[in-house]
Amino acid sequence: MGSESNTDGAGPRRKQARPRRRWLKWVLLSPVVFAVLTTLQVLVLRFVDPPMSAFMVARHVQAIGEGDWSYRTRYDWRDFDAIAPALPVALVAAEDQNFAVHHGFDLKAIEKARAHNQRMVERAEKRGTPVKRLRGASTISQQTAKNLFLWSGRSYVRKGLEAWYTVLIEALWPKRRILEVYANIAEFGDGTYGAQAAAVRFFNRDARQLTPNQAARLAAVLPNPRRYDAGKPGPYVQRRSAAIQRQAGHLGGAAWLRALD
């Protein structure tokens, strides 16, 4: 009788153990599956132009949630050679002057931004006023990863995913492709993404025809394209675009782009 009781009890225990082992197996495999899928995702987009970005989708959903049914996404892809060289150079001059040499993260810029922001916080605390003009240190590679694949926010999860996608982009895409994608998905005005849509909306011309001044104005509105207007620039955008043009000249202009090849 005793042996029969032990045998009967072993069956249910084995059945309970199987789901646990299966669950544990999936937990252990999920990082591998995620790594493989995201690597394939980035690899495909090295050769296939993205029809939209995660940021575009999120902004459209936000507009609908706010009851703005008139909101429209302006997006019209243009290959790198169909965009005036002045624009990608202006983007680098404005946002990531070490783009050609870093591997996705500009550690010197991060340290400078940290020191600057600490000073701004200390000054604001002494004055008892809100902190203004904190400096970011995101590279164009990081911004491409964030805009193309992720959502807005400041959570550690999102920052971790941004870092992962940045590593993949830098490993699998040439620098020229990174800059091409960024120039096409960056938001230059509310609902206006990329060089072609911005050139038509603000200057009534093709992206191929953008002048250095117009390209600098587009770069100058980043990262606040809903606050600043490239078509009707105020004093801040005018000052910033002039500084961007000077820096673009220091980089070497269109000749700098040839160094990416």
C-alpha atoms as a PDB file:
ATOM      1  CA  MET A   1       0.000   0.000   0.000  1.00  0.00           C
ATOM      2  CA  GLY A   2       2.806   2.385   0.930  1.00  0.00           C
ATOM      3  CA  SER A   3       4.556   1.952  -2.427  1.00  0.00           C
ATOM      4  CA  GLU A   4       1.314   2.659  -4.279  1.00  0.00           C
ATOM      5  CA  SER A   5       0.898   5.946  -2.381  1.00  0.00           C
ATOM      6  CA  ASN A   6       4.404   7.148  -3.345  1.00  0.00           C
ATOM      7  CA  THR A   7       3.821   6.280  -6.985  1.00  0.00           C
ATOM      8  CA  ASP A   8       0.532   8.155  -7.096  1.00  0.00           C
ATOM      9  CA  GLY A   9       2.100  11.301  -5.611  1.00  0.00           C
ATOM     10  CA  ALA A  10       5.026  11.403  -8.043  1.00  0.00           C
ATOM     11  CA  GLY A  11       2.811  11.969 -11.087  1.00  0.00           C
ATOM     12  CA  PRO A  12       1.262  15.291 -10.008  1.00  0.00           C
ATOM     13  CA  ARG A  13       4.666  16.551  -8.851  1.00  0.00           C
ATOM     14  CA  ARG A  14       6.178  15.799 -12.248  1.00  0.00           C
ATOM     15  CA  LYS A  15       3.297  17.581 -13.991  1.00  0.00           C
ATOM     16  CA  GLN A  16       3.801  20.659 -11.806  1.00  0.00           C
ATOM     17  CA  ALA A  17       7.536  20.657 -12.487  1.00  0.00           C
ATOM     18  CA  ARG A  18       7.141  20.624 -16.268  1.00  0.00           C
ATOM     19  CA  PRO A  19       5.416  24.028 -16.566  1.00  0.00           C
ATOM     20  CA  ARG A  20       8.026  25.505 -14.240  1.00  0.00           C
ATOM     21  CA  ARG A  21      10.865  24.162 -16.365  1.00  0.00           C
ATOM     22  CA  ARG A  22       9.159  25.425 -19.499  1.00  0.00           C
ATOM     23  CA  TRP A  23       8.688  28.881 -17.979  1.00  0.00           C
ATOM     24  CA  LEU A  24      12.307  28.961 -16.812  1.00  0.00           C
ATOM     25  CA  LYS A  25      13.458  27.914 -20.283  1.00  0.00           C
ATOM     26  CA  TRP A  26      11.603  30.820 -21.895  1.00  0.00           C
ATOM     27  CA  VAL A  27      12.959  33.256 -19.338  1.00  0.00           C
ATOM     28  CA  LEU A  28      16.503  32.158 -20.141  1.00  0.00           C
ATOM     29  CA  LEU A  29      15.910  32.187 -23.894  1.00  0.00           C
ATOM     30  CA  SER A  30      14.057  35.518 -24.116  1.00  0.00           C
ATOM     31  CA  PRO A  31      17.229  37.696 -24.101  1.00  0.00           C
ATOM     32  CA  VAL A  32      18.663  35.599 -26.925  1.00  0.00           C
ATOM     33  CA  VAL A  33      15.437  35.850 -28.929  1.00  0.00           C
ATOM     34  CA  PHE A  34      15.312  39.612 -28.343  1.00  0.00           C
ATOM     35  CA  ALA A  35      18.938  40.032 -29.427  1.00  0.00           C
ATOM     36  CA  VAL A  36      18.409  38.013 -32.611  1.00  0.00           C
ATOM     37  CA  LEU A  37      15.164  39.778 -33.595  1.00  0.00           C
ATOM     38  CA  THR A  38      16.466  43.286 -32.977  1.00  0.00           C
ATOM     39  CA  THR A  39      19.701  42.524 -34.813  1.00  0.00           C
ATOM     40  CA  LEU A  40      17.714  41.309 -37.833  1.00  0.00           C
ATOM     41  CA  GLN A  41      15.484  44.383 -37.579  1.00  0.00           C
ATOM     42  CA  VAL A  42      18.448  46.759 -37.725  1.00  0.00           C
ATOM     43  CA  LEU A  43      20.198  44.737 -40.422  1.00  0.00           C
ATOM     44  CA  VAL A  44      17.141  44.863 -42.701  1.00  0.00           C
ATOM     45  CA  LEU A  45      16.886  48.632 -42.291  1.00  0.00           C
ATOM     46  CA  ARG A  46      20.432  49.023 -43.475  1.00  0.00           C
ATOM     47  CA  PHE A  47      19.100  48.232 -46.957  1.00  0.00           C
ATOM     48  CA  VAL A  48      15.357  49.001 -46.707  1.00  0.00           C
ATOM     49  CA  ASP A  49      14.209  52.589 -46.227  1.00  0.00           C
ATOM     50  CA  PRO A  50      11.866  52.826 -43.218  1.00  0.00           C
ATOM     51  CA  PRO A  51       8.271  53.660 -44.222  1.00  0.00           C
ATOM     52  CA  MET A  52       7.816  55.451 -40.880  1.00  0.00           C
ATOM     53  CA  SER A  53       9.374  55.710 -37.438  1.00  0.00           C
ATOM     54  CA  ALA A  54       8.144  54.809 -33.972  1.00  0.00           C
ATOM     55  CA  PHE A  55       8.232  58.503 -33.093  1.00  0.00           C
ATOM     56  CA  MET A  56       5.923  59.369 -36.005  1.00  0.00           C
ATOM     57  CA  VAL A  57       3.421  56.732 -34.920  1.00  0.00           C
ATOM     58  CA  ALA A  58       3.520  57.864 -31.284  1.00  0.00           C
ATOM     59  CA  ARG A  59       3.025  61.518 -32.247  1.00  0.00           C
ATOM     60  CA  HIS A  60       0.048  60.649 -34.455  1.00  0.00           C
ATOM     61  CA  VAL A  61      -1.552  58.608 -31.678  1.00  0.00           C
ATOM     62  CA  GLN A  62      -0.964  61.485 -29.272  1.00  0.00           C
ATOM     63  CA  ALA A  63      -2.672  63.943 -31.636  1.00  0.00           C
ATOM     64  CA  ILE A  64      -5.699  61.673 -31.980  1.00  0.00           C
ATOM     65  CA  GLY A  65      -5.833  61.264 -28.208  1.00  0.00           C
ATOM     66  CA  GLU A  66      -5.908  65.055 -27.878  1.00  0.00           C
ATOM     67  CA  GLY A  67      -8.774  65.260 -30.371  1.00  0.00           C
ATOM     68  CA  ASP A  68      -6.655  66.843 -33.110  1.00  0.00           C
ATOM     69  CA  TRP A  69      -8.184  65.081 -36.091  1.00  0.00           C
ATOM     70  CA  SER A  70      -6.601  67.558 -38.516  1.00  0.00           C
ATOM     71  CA  TYR A  71      -3.091  66.380 -37.638  1.00  0.00           C
ATOM     72  CA  ARG A  72      -1.146  65.012 -40.597  1.00  0.00           C
ATOM     73  CA  THR A  73       2.279  63.403 -40.805  1.00  0.00           C
ATOM     74  CA  ARG A  74       4.466  64.899 -43.533  1.00  0.00           C
ATOM     75  CA  TYR A  75       7.136  62.405 -44.545  1.00  0.00           C
ATOM     76  CA  ASP A  76       8.743  61.838 -47.925  1.00  0.00           C
ATOM     77  CA  TRP A  77      11.934  59.781 -48.066  1.00  0.00           C
ATOM     78  CA  ARG A  78      14.883  61.051 -50.093  1.00  0.00           C
ATOM     79  CA  ASP A  79      18.116  59.145 -50.673  1.00  0.00           C
ATOM     80  CA  PHE A  80      21.313  60.756 -49.440  1.00  0.00           C
ATOM     81  CA  ASP A  81      22.350  61.946 -52.903  1.00  0.00           C
ATOM     82  CA  ALA A  82      18.950  63.634 -53.383  1.00  0.00           C
ATOM     83  CA  ILE A  83      19.483  65.899 -50.348  1.00  0.00           C
ATOM     84  CA  ALA A  84      21.582  69.049 -50.531  1.00  0.00           C
ATOM     85  CA  PRO A  85      24.933  68.281 -48.826  1.00  0.00           C
ATOM     86  CA  ALA A  86      24.478  71.392 -46.716  1.00  0.00           C
ATOM     87  CA  LEU A  87      21.797  69.723 -44.583  1.00  0.00           C
ATOM     88  CA  PRO A  88      23.626  66.626 -43.279  1.00  0.00           C
ATOM     89  CA  VAL A  89      26.700  68.770 -42.651  1.00  0.00           C
ATOM     90  CA  ALA A  90      24.546  71.288 -40.750  1.00  0.00           C
ATOM     91  CA  LEU A  91      23.044  68.488 -38.648  1.00  0.00           C
ATOM     92  CA  VAL A  92      26.502  67.268 -37.677  1.00  0.00           C
ATOM     93  CA  ALA A  93      27.704  70.812 -36.986  1.00  0.00           C
ATOM     94  CA  ALA A  94      24.684  71.476 -34.783  1.00  0.00           C
ATOM     95  CA  GLU A  95      24.387  68.215 -32.880  1.00  0.00           C
ATOM     96  CA  ASP A  96      27.344  65.858 -33.163  1.00  0.00           C
ATOM     97  CA  GLN A  97      30.631  67.259 -34.371  1.00  0.00           C
ATOM     98  CA  ASN A  98      32.479  64.046 -33.485  1.00  0.00           C
ATOM     99  CA  PHE A  99      30.029  61.922 -35.484  1.00  0.00           C
ATOM    100  CA  ALA A 100      32.656  60.644 -37.913  1.00  0.00           C
ATOM    101  CA  VAL A 101      34.990  59.320 -35.213  1.00  0.00           C
ATOM    102  CA  HIS A 102      32.908  58.104 -32.273  1.00  0.00           C
ATOM    103  CA  HIS A 103      31.279  54.677 -32.037  1.00  0.00           C
ATOM    104  CA  GLY A 104      27.804  55.794 -31.034  1.00  0.00           C
ATOM    105  CA  PHE A 105      28.570  57.528 -27.740  1.00  0.00           C
ATOM    106  CA  ASP A 106      30.604  60.709 -27.319  1.00  0.00           C
ATOM    107  CA  LEU A 107      32.111  60.310 -23.847  1.00  0.00           C
ATOM    108  CA  LYS A 108      33.804  63.725 -23.893  1.00  0.00           C
ATOM    109  CA  ALA A 109      30.523  65.427 -24.779  1.00  0.00           C
ATOM    110  CA  ILE A 110      28.726  63.491 -22.032  1.00  0.00           C
ATOM    111  CA  GLU A 111      31.244  64.699 -19.426  1.00  0.00           C
ATOM    112  CA  LYS A 112      31.024  68.299 -20.649  1.00  0.00           C
ATOM    113  CA  ALA A 113      27.224  68.170 -20.541  1.00  0.00           C
ATOM    114  CA  ARG A 114      27.278  66.704 -17.025  1.00  0.00           C
ATOM    115  CA  ALA A 115      29.579  69.455 -15.762  1.00  0.00           C
ATOM    116  CA  HIS A 116      27.536  72.170 -17.495  1.00  0.00           C
ATOM    117  CA  ASN A 117      24.238  70.873 -16.150  1.00  0.00           C
ATOM    118  CA  GLN A 118      25.632  70.635 -12.630  1.00  0.00           C
ATOM    119  CA  ARG A 119      26.644  74.308 -12.798  1.00  0.00           C
ATOM    120  CA  MET A 120      23.207  75.266 -14.092  1.00  0.00           C
ATOM    121  CA  VAL A 121      21.500  73.379 -11.268  1.00  0.00           C
ATOM    122  CA  GLU A 122      23.721  74.974  -8.621  1.00  0.00           C
ATOM    123  CA  ARG A 123      23.084  78.469 -10.003  1.00  0.00           C
ATOM    124  CA  ALA A 124      19.344  77.864 -10.149  1.00  0.00           C
ATOM    125  CA  GLU A 125      19.313  76.644  -6.556  1.00  0.00           C
ATOM    126  CA  LYS A 126      21.173  79.750  -5.390  1.00  0.00           C
ATOM    127  CA  ARG A 127      18.731  82.034  -7.226  1.00  0.00           C
ATOM    128  CA  GLY A 128      15.694  79.971  -6.289  1.00  0.00           C
ATOM    129  CA  THR A 129      14.631  79.786  -9.940  1.00  0.00           C
ATOM    130  CA  PRO A 130      13.860  76.871 -12.275  1.00  0.00           C
ATOM    131  CA  VAL A 131      16.748  75.237 -14.107  1.00  0.00           C
ATOM    132  CA  LYS A 132      17.088  76.443 -17.689  1.00  0.00           C
ATOM    133  CA  ARG A 133      18.971  75.220 -20.753  1.00  0.00           C
ATOM    134  CA  LEU A 134      20.281  71.885 -19.613  1.00  0.00           C
ATOM    135  CA  ARG A 135      22.623  70.451 -22.194  1.00  0.00           C
ATOM    136  CA  GLY A 136      22.229  67.023 -23.758  1.00  0.00           C
ATOM    137  CA  ALA A 137      24.971  64.856 -25.189  1.00  0.00           C
ATOM    138  CA  SER A 138      23.078  62.434 -27.439  1.00  0.00           C
ATOM    139  CA  THR A 139      24.845  61.608 -30.658  1.00  0.00           C
ATOM    140  CA  ILE A 140      23.144  61.425 -34.031  1.00  0.00           C
ATOM    141  CA  SER A 141      23.403  57.637 -33.756  1.00  0.00           C
ATOM    142  CA  GLN A 142      21.528  57.695 -30.440  1.00  0.00           C
ATOM    143  CA  GLN A 143      18.873  60.037 -31.791  1.00  0.00           C
ATOM    144  CA  THR A 144      18.403  57.846 -34.843  1.00  0.00           C
ATOM    145  CA  ALA A 145      17.931  54.805 -32.594  1.00  0.00           C
ATOM    146  CA  LYS A 146      15.467  56.648 -30.357  1.00  0.00           C
ATOM    147  CA  ASN A 147      13.388  58.187 -33.145  1.00  0.00           C
ATOM    148  CA  LEU A 148      13.290  55.112 -35.348  1.00  0.00           C
ATOM    149  CA  PHE A 149      12.628  52.364 -32.822  1.00  0.00           C
ATOM    150  CA  LEU A 150      11.509  53.748 -29.458  1.00  0.00           C
ATOM    151  CA  TRP A 151       9.094  55.983 -27.586  1.00  0.00           C
ATOM    152  CA  SER A 152       9.543  59.305 -25.795  1.00  0.00           C
ATOM    153  CA  GLY A 153      10.426  59.291 -22.137  1.00  0.00           C
ATOM    154  CA  ARG A 154      13.222  59.155 -19.607  1.00  0.00           C
ATOM    155  CA  SER A 155      12.871  55.700 -18.080  1.00  0.00           C
ATOM    156  CA  TYR A 156      15.896  53.467 -17.539  1.00  0.00           C
ATOM    157  CA  VAL A 157      14.283  50.821 -19.730  1.00  0.00           C
ATOM    158  CA  ARG A 158      14.026  53.213 -22.671  1.00  0.00           C
ATOM    159  CA  LYS A 159      17.577  54.485 -22.168  1.00  0.00           C
ATOM    160  CA  GLY A 160      18.836  50.911 -22.040  1.00  0.00           C
ATOM    161  CA  LEU A 161      17.048  50.045 -25.278  1.00  0.00           C
ATOM    162  CA  GLU A 162      18.374  53.227 -26.864  1.00  0.00           C
ATOM    163  CA  ALA A 163      21.920  52.199 -25.965  1.00  0.00           C
ATOM    164  CA  TRP A 164      21.357  48.696 -27.363  1.00  0.00           C
ATOM    165  CA  TYR A 165      19.946  49.952 -30.664  1.00  0.00           C
ATOM    166  CA  THR A 166      22.757  52.508 -30.901  1.00  0.00           C
ATOM    167  CA  VAL A 167      25.334  49.726 -30.594  1.00  0.00           C
ATOM    168  CA  LEU A 168      23.551  47.722 -33.296  1.00  0.00           C
ATOM    169  CA  ILE A 169      23.281  50.689 -35.643  1.00  0.00           C
ATOM    170  CA  GLU A 170      26.945  51.554 -35.282  1.00  0.00           C
ATOM    171  CA  ALA A 171      27.960  47.920 -35.777  1.00  0.00           C
ATOM    172  CA  LEU A 172      25.711  47.159 -38.770  1.00  0.00           C
ATOM    173  CA  TRP A 173      25.325  50.475 -40.630  1.00  0.00           C
ATOM    174  CA  PRO A 174      27.974  52.668 -42.245  1.00  0.00           C
ATOM    175  CA  LYS A 175      28.103  56.248 -40.980  1.00  0.00           C
ATOM    176  CA  ARG A 176      26.634  57.508 -44.235  1.00  0.00           C
ATOM    177  CA  ARG A 177      23.521  55.336 -43.751  1.00  0.00           C
ATOM    178  CA  ILE A 178      23.065  56.559 -40.171  1.00  0.00           C
ATOM    179  CA  LEU A 179      23.170  60.170 -41.326  1.00  0.00           C
ATOM    180  CA  GLU A 180      20.876  59.430 -44.267  1.00  0.00           C
ATOM    181  CA  VAL A 181      18.215  57.871 -42.020  1.00  0.00           C
ATOM    182  CA  TYR A 182      18.484  60.654 -39.457  1.00  0.00           C
ATOM    183  CA  ALA A 183      18.113  63.356 -42.109  1.00  0.00           C
ATOM    184  CA  ASN A 184      14.910  61.619 -43.226  1.00  0.00           C
ATOM    185  CA  ILE A 185      13.228  60.955 -39.854  1.00  0.00           C
ATOM    186  CA  ALA A 186      14.266  63.954 -37.747  1.00  0.00           C
ATOM    187  CA  GLU A 187      11.310  66.175 -36.845  1.00  0.00           C
ATOM    188  CA  PHE A 188      11.788  69.707 -38.224  1.00  0.00           C
ATOM    189  CA  GLY A 189       8.292  70.946 -37.364  1.00  0.00           C
ATOM    190  CA  ASP A 190       5.165  69.548 -35.781  1.00  0.00           C
ATOM    191  CA  GLY A 191       4.298  66.556 -37.962  1.00  0.00           C
ATOM    192  CA  THR A 192       7.060  67.359 -40.464  1.00  0.00           C
ATOM    193  CA  TYR A 193       9.756  64.702 -40.712  1.00  0.00           C
ATOM    194  CA  GLY A 194      12.816  64.618 -42.879  1.00  0.00           C
ATOM    195  CA  ALA A 195      14.603  66.844 -45.341  1.00  0.00           C
ATOM    196  CA  GLN A 196      12.097  66.680 -48.210  1.00  0.00           C
ATOM    197  CA  ALA A 197       8.945  67.368 -46.192  1.00  0.00           C
ATOM    198  CA  ALA A 198      10.681  70.221 -44.344  1.00  0.00           C
ATOM    199  CA  ALA A 199      12.095  71.771 -47.520  1.00  0.00           C
ATOM    200  CA  VAL A 200       8.650  71.795 -49.142  1.00  0.00           C
ATOM    201  CA  ARG A 201       6.806  73.059 -46.081  1.00  0.00           C
ATOM    202  CA  PHE A 202       9.172  75.828 -44.992  1.00  0.00           C
ATOM    203  CA  PHE A 203      10.898  76.862 -48.224  1.00  0.00           C
ATOM    204  CA  ASN A 204       8.648  75.563 -51.031  1.00  0.00           C
ATOM    205  CA  ARG A 205      11.494  73.714 -52.694  1.00  0.00           C
ATOM    206  CA  ASP A 206      13.012  70.275 -53.101  1.00  0.00           C
ATOM    207  CA  ALA A 207      15.487  68.964 -50.526  1.00  0.00           C
ATOM    208  CA  ARG A 208      18.125  68.910 -53.281  1.00  0.00           C
ATOM    209  CA  GLN A 209      17.803  72.704 -53.586  1.00  0.00           C
ATOM    210  CA  LEU A 210      18.282  73.680 -49.929  1.00  0.00           C
ATOM    211  CA  THR A 211      20.784  76.493 -49.454  1.00  0.00           C
ATOM    212  CA  PRO A 212      23.367  76.460 -46.631  1.00  0.00           C
ATOM    213  CA  ASN A 213      21.324  79.098 -44.809  1.00  0.00           C
ATOM    214  CA  GLN A 214      18.094  77.114 -45.089  1.00  0.00           C
ATOM    215  CA  ALA A 215      19.842  73.899 -44.020  1.00  0.00           C
ATOM    216  CA  ALA A 216      21.297  75.664 -40.991  1.00  0.00           C
ATOM    217  CA  ARG A 217      17.850  76.984 -40.038  1.00  0.00           C
ATOM    218  CA  LEU A 218      16.426  73.466 -40.137  1.00  0.00           C
ATOM    219  CA  ALA A 219      19.257  72.201 -37.945  1.00  0.00           C
ATOM    220  CA  ALA A 220      18.827  75.174 -35.612  1.00  0.00           C
ATOM    221  CA  VAL A 221      15.270  74.259 -34.586  1.00  0.00           C
ATOM    222  CA  LEU A 222      16.450  70.915 -33.175  1.00  0.00           C
ATOM    223  CA  PRO A 223      15.714  69.592 -30.623  1.00  0.00           C
ATOM    224  CA  ASN A 224      12.620  71.820 -30.177  1.00  0.00           C
ATOM    225  CA  PRO A 225      10.958  71.860 -33.622  1.00  0.00           C
ATOM    226  CA  ARG A 226       7.508  72.538 -32.182  1.00  0.00           C
ATOM    227  CA  ARG A 227       8.743  75.622 -30.385  1.00  0.00           C
ATOM    228  CA  TYR A 228      10.902  77.128 -33.134  1.00  0.00           C
ATOM    229  CA  ASP A 229      10.013  77.774 -36.773  1.00  0.00           C
ATOM    230  CA  ALA A 230      12.600  77.310 -39.516  1.00  0.00           C
ATOM    231  CA  GLY A 231      10.400  79.154 -42.009  1.00  0.00           C
ATOM    232  CA  LYS A 232       9.955  82.231 -39.807  1.00  0.00           C
ATOM    233  CA  PRO A 233      13.046  82.235 -37.615  1.00  0.00           C
ATOM    234  CA  GLY A 234      13.134  84.361 -34.497  1.00  0.00           C
ATOM    235  CA  PRO A 235      16.304  85.846 -32.979  1.00  0.00           C
ATOM    236  CA  TYR A 236      17.387  82.574 -31.357  1.00  0.00           C
ATOM    237  CA  VAL A 237      17.114  80.518 -34.557  1.00  0.00           C
ATOM    238  CA  GLN A 238      18.883  83.248 -36.534  1.00  0.00           C
ATOM    239  CA  ARG A 239      21.797  83.357 -34.086  1.00  0.00           C
ATOM    240  CA  ARG A 240      22.024  79.591 -33.867  1.00  0.00           C
ATOM    241  CA  SER A 241      21.827  79.065 -37.640  1.00  0.00           C
ATOM    242  CA  ALA A 242      24.657  81.570 -38.149  1.00  0.00           C
ATOM    243  CA  ALA A 243      26.783  79.656 -35.637  1.00  0.00           C
ATOM    244  CA  ILE A 244      25.925  76.363 -37.363  1.00  0.00           C
ATOM    245  CA  GLN A 245      27.004  77.735 -40.735  1.00  0.00           C
ATOM    246  CA  ARG A 246      30.340  78.822 -39.270  1.00  0.00           C
ATOM    247  CA  GLN A 247      30.892  75.411 -37.702  1.00  0.00           C
ATOM    248  CA  ALA A 248      29.879  73.639 -40.926  1.00  0.00           C
ATOM    249  CA  GLY A 249      32.568  75.667 -42.681  1.00  0.00           C
ATOM    250  CA  HIS A 250      35.123  74.584 -40.085  1.00  0.00           C
ATOM    251  CA  LEU A 251      34.165  70.943 -40.691  1.00  0.00           C
ATOM    252  CA  GLY A 252      34.850  71.363 -44.392  1.00  0.00           C
ATOM    253  CA  GLY A 253      31.353  71.511 -45.857  1.00  0.00           C
ATOM    254  CA  ALA A 254      30.515  68.987 -48.565  1.00  0.00           C
ATOM    255  CA  ALA A 255      34.114  67.760 -48.559  1.00  0.00           C
ATOM    256  CA  TRP A 256      33.538  66.467 -45.027  1.00  0.00           C
ATOM    257  CA  LEU A 257      30.795  64.151 -46.330  1.00  0.00           C
ATOM    258  CA  ARG A 258      33.194  62.489 -48.749  1.00  0.00           C
ATOM    259  CA  ALA A 259      35.303  61.433 -45.774  1.00  0.00           C
ATOM    260  CA  LEU A 260      32.415  59.203 -44.638  1.00  0.00           C
ATOM    261  CA  ASP A 261      32.723  57.004 -47.738  1.00  0.00           C
END
